[in-house]
Amino acid sequence: MPTITTNDGVKIFYKDWGSGQPIVFSHGWPLSADDWDTQMIFFVNHGFRVIAHDRRGHGRSAQVGDGHDMDHYADDLAALTEKLDLKNAIHVGHSTGGGEVVHYIARHGETRVAKAAILSAVPPLMVKTDANPGGLPKDVFDGFQAQLAAGRSEFYHAVAAGPFYGYNRPDAKPSAPVIQNWWRQGMMGGAKAHYDGIVAFSQTDFTEDLKKITVPVLVMHGDDDQIVPYADSAPLSAKLLKNGTLKTYKGFPHGMPTTHAETINADLLAFFRT
């Protein structure tokens, strides 16, 4: 398995296919690089080099007990881009991965970055605060941690079978293989990484990061997202970015890169080629 080793000694697994301009994919919580398989096949067939890694503690990367915060996530992504010597790269992040991309670019600069796209992403800030009155109450995320600690397997199945893909909507047609694949990816990773990761994705404030970014960023979000509510995320991020474009998808769920891959892939390709 191809891996890199970070400065603090953590082995990070990654996939690296094809040649051409690199696209680097950052996955959501609590998944793995496998969640991008449909996109990676699509874009490698369109002449791009595609790279996706398993975040520390997730998938096939080392199940370390610490470092499960946005600073480490961004630094791990920087280590990957540096060791693969990626230049003129496009970064794509879904959900927590969108926060990872934003924090990476703001923290490590734009010299290796051409563009970015964030999908159903957690910025600017998920948790409710005095400065972010539209956020979700902290006890929502405390509840996520409690459910994970009480029974991760059942919790993950419930998330995938319900709100993540919008399968709890009256007109939904749940896919058992999609639910199983989400559960499989989640159970591959480490419980401690996922437990701590809930704090990372919910309590990190990306406001200043978004303001620093000057490369073009496509902000893509479904207005029926039950995991990262639309109104307090995508429109706010697009306004904070210097060169941001908001694309809203009516009725699309949080897991839209899977449920609506054809639409998402086509829109990403058009953005990459402009």
Protein backbone atom coordinates (compact mmCIF):
# COMPACT_ATOMS: atom_id res chain seq x y z
CA MET A 1 0.00 0.00 0.00
CA PRO A 2 1.40 3.45 -0.87
CA THR A 3 1.89 5.59 2.22
CA ILE A 4 3.68 8.72 3.31
CA THR A 5 4.92 9.39 6.83
CA THR A 6 4.08 12.75 8.40
CA ASN A 7 6.48 14.82 10.47
CA ASP A 8 5.02 13.34 13.65
CA GLY A 9 5.46 9.78 12.39
CA VAL A 10 1.94 8.93 11.23
CA LYS A 11 1.56 6.72 8.17
CA ILE A 12 -1.03 8.08 5.74
CA PHE A 13 -2.42 5.82 3.00
CA TYR A 14 -3.17 7.31 -0.40
CA LYS A 15 -4.27 6.39 -3.93
CA ASP A 16 -2.53 7.98 -6.92
CA TRP A 17 -3.81 7.20 -10.41
CA GLY A 18 -3.13 8.59 -13.86
CA SER A 19 -1.24 11.63 -15.10
CA GLY A 20 -1.98 15.23 -15.96
CA GLN A 21 -3.10 18.08 -13.72
CA PRO A 22 -3.52 16.68 -10.19
CA ILE A 23 -6.85 16.62 -8.37
CA VAL A 24 -6.56 15.90 -4.65
CA PHE A 25 -9.68 14.64 -2.88
CA SER A 26 -10.33 15.01 0.86
CA HIS A 27 -13.07 12.79 2.26
CA GLY A 28 -15.74 13.38 4.88
CA TRP A 29 -16.16 12.03 8.42
CA PRO A 30 -15.83 9.10 9.23
CA LEU A 31 -15.06 7.75 5.75
CA SER A 32 -12.00 7.08 3.59
CA ALA A 33 -10.52 7.73 0.17
CA ASP A 34 -12.91 5.06 -1.14
CA ASP A 35 -15.77 7.52 -0.90
CA TRP A 36 -14.27 9.28 -3.93
CA ASP A 37 -14.01 6.20 -6.17
CA THR A 38 -16.72 7.36 -8.59
CA GLN A 39 -15.10 10.78 -8.97
CA MET A 40 -11.60 9.34 -9.28
CA ILE A 41 -12.59 6.96 -12.09
CA PHE A 42 -14.44 9.78 -13.87
CA PHE A 43 -11.58 12.26 -13.72
CA VAL A 44 -8.75 9.85 -14.48
CA ASN A 45 -10.72 8.99 -17.61
CA HIS A 46 -10.81 12.71 -18.45
CA GLY A 47 -7.04 13.07 -18.37
CA PHE A 48 -6.38 14.13 -14.80
CA ARG A 49 -4.08 12.66 -12.17
CA VAL A 50 -6.26 11.78 -9.18
CA ILE A 51 -5.07 11.44 -5.59
CA ALA A 52 -7.04 10.66 -2.44
CA HIS A 53 -5.78 9.85 1.04
CA ASP A 54 -7.26 8.33 4.17
CA ARG A 55 -7.19 10.95 6.91
CA ARG A 56 -5.15 9.99 9.98
CA GLY A 57 -7.11 7.49 12.04
CA HIS A 58 -9.41 6.74 9.09
CA GLY A 59 -9.46 3.94 6.54
CA ARG A 60 -6.04 2.36 6.06
CA SER A 61 -4.04 5.14 7.71
CA ALA A 62 -2.52 4.66 11.15
CA GLN A 63 -5.02 4.58 14.00
CA VAL A 64 -3.14 6.99 16.21
CA GLY A 65 -4.67 8.31 19.41
CA ASP A 66 -4.03 12.00 18.90
CA GLY A 67 -3.76 14.71 16.29
CA HIS A 68 -7.42 14.53 15.29
CA ASP A 69 -7.89 18.25 14.69
CA MET A 70 -7.90 20.56 11.69
CA ASP A 71 -4.30 21.70 12.14
CA HIS A 72 -3.06 18.12 11.85
CA TYR A 73 -5.48 17.32 9.03
CA ALA A 74 -4.18 20.31 7.06
CA ASP A 75 -0.55 19.50 7.84
CA ASP A 76 -1.03 15.89 6.76
CA LEU A 77 -2.49 17.08 3.47
CA ALA A 78 0.45 19.44 3.05
CA ALA A 79 2.87 16.57 3.71
CA LEU A 80 1.15 14.53 1.00
CA THR A 81 1.28 17.31 -1.58
CA GLU A 82 4.92 18.04 -0.79
CA LYS A 83 6.10 14.43 -0.88
CA LEU A 84 4.30 13.84 -4.18
CA ASP A 85 5.58 17.27 -5.34
CA LEU A 86 2.16 18.27 -6.62
CA LYS A 87 1.95 21.55 -8.51
CA ASN A 88 -1.01 23.44 -9.99
CA ALA A 89 -3.26 21.09 -8.01
CA ILE A 90 -7.02 21.25 -7.70
CA HIS A 91 -8.30 20.39 -4.22
CA VAL A 92 -11.75 18.92 -3.70
CA GLY A 93 -13.20 18.37 -0.23
CA HIS A 94 -16.51 16.92 0.92
CA SER A 95 -18.01 17.74 4.32
CA THR A 96 -15.15 17.59 6.87
CA GLY A 97 -12.83 17.32 3.88
CA GLY A 98 -14.05 20.73 2.74
CA GLY A 99 -12.86 22.16 6.03
CA GLU A 100 -9.57 20.33 5.61
CA VAL A 101 -9.07 21.87 2.15
CA VAL A 102 -9.91 25.39 3.33
CA HIS A 103 -7.61 25.14 6.34
CA TYR A 104 -4.80 23.60 4.26
CA ILE A 105 -4.84 26.40 1.69
CA ALA A 106 -5.02 29.15 4.32
CA ARG A 107 -2.37 27.54 6.52
CA HIS A 108 0.12 26.42 3.87
CA GLY A 109 -0.39 28.92 1.08
CA GLU A 110 -1.42 28.74 -2.55
CA THR A 111 1.88 28.09 -4.32
CA ARG A 112 0.88 24.50 -5.16
CA VAL A 113 -2.85 25.22 -5.61
CA ALA A 114 -4.74 26.20 -8.77
CA LYS A 115 -8.37 25.91 -7.66
CA ALA A 116 -10.56 24.28 -5.04
CA ALA A 117 -14.08 22.94 -4.70
CA ILE A 118 -15.86 22.33 -1.41
CA LEU A 119 -18.97 20.14 -1.39
CA SER A 120 -21.53 19.96 1.44
CA ALA A 121 -18.70 21.41 3.50
CA VAL A 122 -18.56 22.35 7.18
CA PRO A 123 -17.16 25.93 6.89
CA PRO A 124 -17.52 28.57 8.10
CA LEU A 125 -18.61 27.10 11.49
CA MET A 126 -21.14 24.43 12.37
CA VAL A 127 -21.72 24.93 16.08
CA LYS A 128 -23.99 27.67 17.39
CA THR A 129 -22.20 30.56 19.11
CA ASP A 130 -23.01 34.20 19.83
CA ALA A 131 -21.24 35.09 16.59
CA ASN A 132 -22.88 32.21 14.71
CA PRO A 133 -26.51 32.17 15.88
CA GLY A 134 -27.63 30.03 12.93
CA GLY A 135 -25.41 27.11 13.91
CA LEU A 136 -26.43 23.85 15.50
CA PRO A 137 -26.43 23.62 19.31
CA LYS A 138 -23.37 21.98 20.82
CA ASP A 139 -25.51 19.28 22.40
CA VAL A 140 -26.25 17.94 18.90
CA PHE A 141 -22.57 17.10 18.49
CA ASP A 142 -22.27 15.89 22.07
CA GLY A 143 -25.07 13.49 21.13
CA PHE A 144 -23.07 12.26 18.14
CA GLN A 145 -20.15 11.48 20.43
CA ALA A 146 -22.40 9.72 22.94
CA GLN A 147 -23.98 7.55 20.23
CA LEU A 148 -20.57 6.68 18.80
CA ALA A 149 -19.24 5.72 22.22
CA ALA A 150 -22.33 3.64 23.02
CA GLY A 151 -22.35 1.65 19.79
CA ARG A 152 -20.46 2.83 16.75
CA SER A 153 -21.72 0.12 14.41
CA GLU A 154 -25.40 0.86 14.99
CA PHE A 155 -24.83 4.62 14.93
CA TYR A 156 -23.03 4.46 11.57
CA HIS A 157 -25.72 2.33 10.01
CA ALA A 158 -28.38 4.76 11.20
CA VAL A 159 -26.54 7.78 9.77
CA ALA A 160 -26.05 6.16 6.36
CA ALA A 161 -29.57 4.72 6.21
CA GLY A 162 -31.11 8.04 7.25
CA PRO A 163 -29.99 11.65 6.95
CA PHE A 164 -26.62 11.34 5.18
CA TYR A 165 -28.10 10.37 1.82
CA GLY A 166 -31.60 11.67 2.50
CA TYR A 167 -32.90 8.12 2.68
CA ASN A 168 -35.26 9.17 5.47
CA ARG A 169 -37.27 11.36 3.09
CA PRO A 170 -40.73 10.04 2.14
CA ASP A 171 -39.93 9.69 -1.57
CA ALA A 172 -36.40 8.29 -1.10
CA LYS A 173 -35.23 5.00 -2.56
CA PRO A 174 -32.54 3.74 -0.17
CA SER A 175 -29.69 1.75 -1.66
CA ALA A 176 -28.55 -1.09 0.60
CA PRO A 177 -25.10 -1.29 -1.09
CA VAL A 178 -24.53 2.45 -0.60
CA ILE A 179 -25.50 2.19 3.07
CA GLN A 180 -23.25 -0.85 3.52
CA ASN A 181 -20.31 0.88 1.83
CA TRP A 182 -20.65 3.90 4.12
CA TRP A 183 -20.78 1.60 7.15
CA ARG A 184 -17.77 -0.40 5.86
CA GLN A 185 -15.65 2.70 5.45
CA GLY A 186 -16.59 4.01 8.86
CA MET A 187 -15.82 0.76 10.63
CA MET A 188 -12.39 0.56 8.94
CA GLY A 189 -11.26 3.63 10.86
CA GLY A 190 -10.46 4.19 14.50
CA ALA A 191 -13.15 5.02 17.05
CA LYS A 192 -10.92 7.54 18.85
CA ALA A 193 -10.17 9.41 15.61
CA HIS A 194 -13.85 9.56 14.78
CA TYR A 195 -14.85 10.60 18.31
CA ASP A 196 -12.35 13.46 18.35
CA GLY A 197 -13.16 14.31 14.75
CA ILE A 198 -16.68 15.33 15.72
CA VAL A 199 -15.19 18.21 17.70
CA ALA A 200 -12.84 19.06 14.83
CA PHE A 201 -15.55 19.36 12.21
CA SER A 202 -18.15 21.04 14.42
CA GLN A 203 -16.14 23.52 16.47
CA THR A 204 -13.42 24.74 14.09
CA ASP A 205 -14.09 28.28 12.90
CA PHE A 206 -12.92 28.67 9.29
CA THR A 207 -13.97 32.30 8.90
CA GLU A 208 -10.45 33.75 8.76
CA ASP A 209 -9.23 30.86 6.58
CA LEU A 210 -11.89 31.61 3.98
CA LYS A 211 -10.92 35.28 3.91
CA LYS A 212 -7.28 34.41 3.14
CA ILE A 213 -7.98 32.30 0.05
CA THR A 214 -7.60 34.00 -3.34
CA VAL A 215 -7.71 31.06 -5.79
CA PRO A 216 -11.08 30.26 -7.41
CA VAL A 217 -13.29 28.13 -5.15
CA LEU A 218 -16.54 26.45 -6.19
CA VAL A 219 -18.90 26.08 -3.22
CA MET A 220 -21.40 23.27 -3.92
CA HIS A 221 -24.22 22.39 -1.53
CA GLY A 222 -27.62 20.74 -1.57
CA ASP A 223 -30.46 22.68 0.03
CA ASP A 224 -31.82 19.49 1.64
CA ASP A 225 -28.57 18.73 3.48
CA GLN A 226 -29.53 17.30 6.88
CA ILE A 227 -25.95 16.96 8.14
CA VAL A 228 -24.50 20.40 7.32
CA PRO A 229 -27.53 22.69 7.04
CA TYR A 230 -27.35 24.82 3.90
CA ALA A 231 -28.24 28.29 5.20
CA ASP A 232 -25.44 28.44 7.77
CA SER A 233 -22.72 27.03 5.51
CA ALA A 234 -22.39 27.41 1.74
CA PRO A 235 -23.84 30.92 1.22
CA LEU A 236 -21.75 32.27 4.10
CA SER A 237 -18.56 30.60 2.82
CA ALA A 238 -19.09 31.91 -0.70
CA LYS A 239 -19.42 35.47 0.65
CA LEU A 240 -16.23 35.20 2.70
CA LEU A 241 -14.13 33.90 -0.19
CA LYS A 242 -12.44 36.47 -2.43
CA ASN A 243 -13.07 34.37 -5.54
CA GLY A 244 -15.90 32.06 -4.54
CA THR A 245 -18.81 30.81 -6.63
CA LEU A 246 -21.90 29.31 -5.01
CA LYS A 247 -23.78 26.49 -6.72
CA THR A 248 -26.93 25.31 -4.96
CA TYR A 249 -28.66 22.01 -5.72
CA LYS A 250 -32.37 21.86 -5.05
CA GLY A 251 -33.31 18.79 -3.02
CA PHE A 252 -29.83 17.26 -2.97
CA PRO A 253 -28.69 15.56 0.28
CA HIS A 254 -25.39 15.73 2.13
CA GLY A 255 -24.03 12.70 0.31
CA MET A 256 -24.69 14.19 -3.13
CA PRO A 257 -21.32 13.15 -4.63
CA THR A 258 -22.67 9.59 -4.37
CA THR A 259 -26.40 10.01 -4.92
CA HIS A 260 -26.02 12.55 -7.74
CA ALA A 261 -22.54 11.72 -9.03
CA GLU A 262 -23.34 12.39 -12.68
CA THR A 263 -24.45 15.96 -11.99
CA ILE A 264 -21.68 16.70 -9.51
CA ASN A 265 -18.94 15.29 -11.74
CA ALA A 266 -20.12 17.27 -14.76
CA ASP A 267 -20.20 20.53 -12.78
CA LEU A 268 -16.76 19.89 -11.29
CA LEU A 269 -15.33 19.15 -14.74
CA ALA A 270 -16.77 22.36 -16.16
CA PHE A 271 -15.24 24.33 -13.27
CA PHE A 272 -11.85 22.68 -13.64
CA ARG A 273 -11.74 23.46 -17.35
CA THR A 274 -12.63 27.15 -17.09
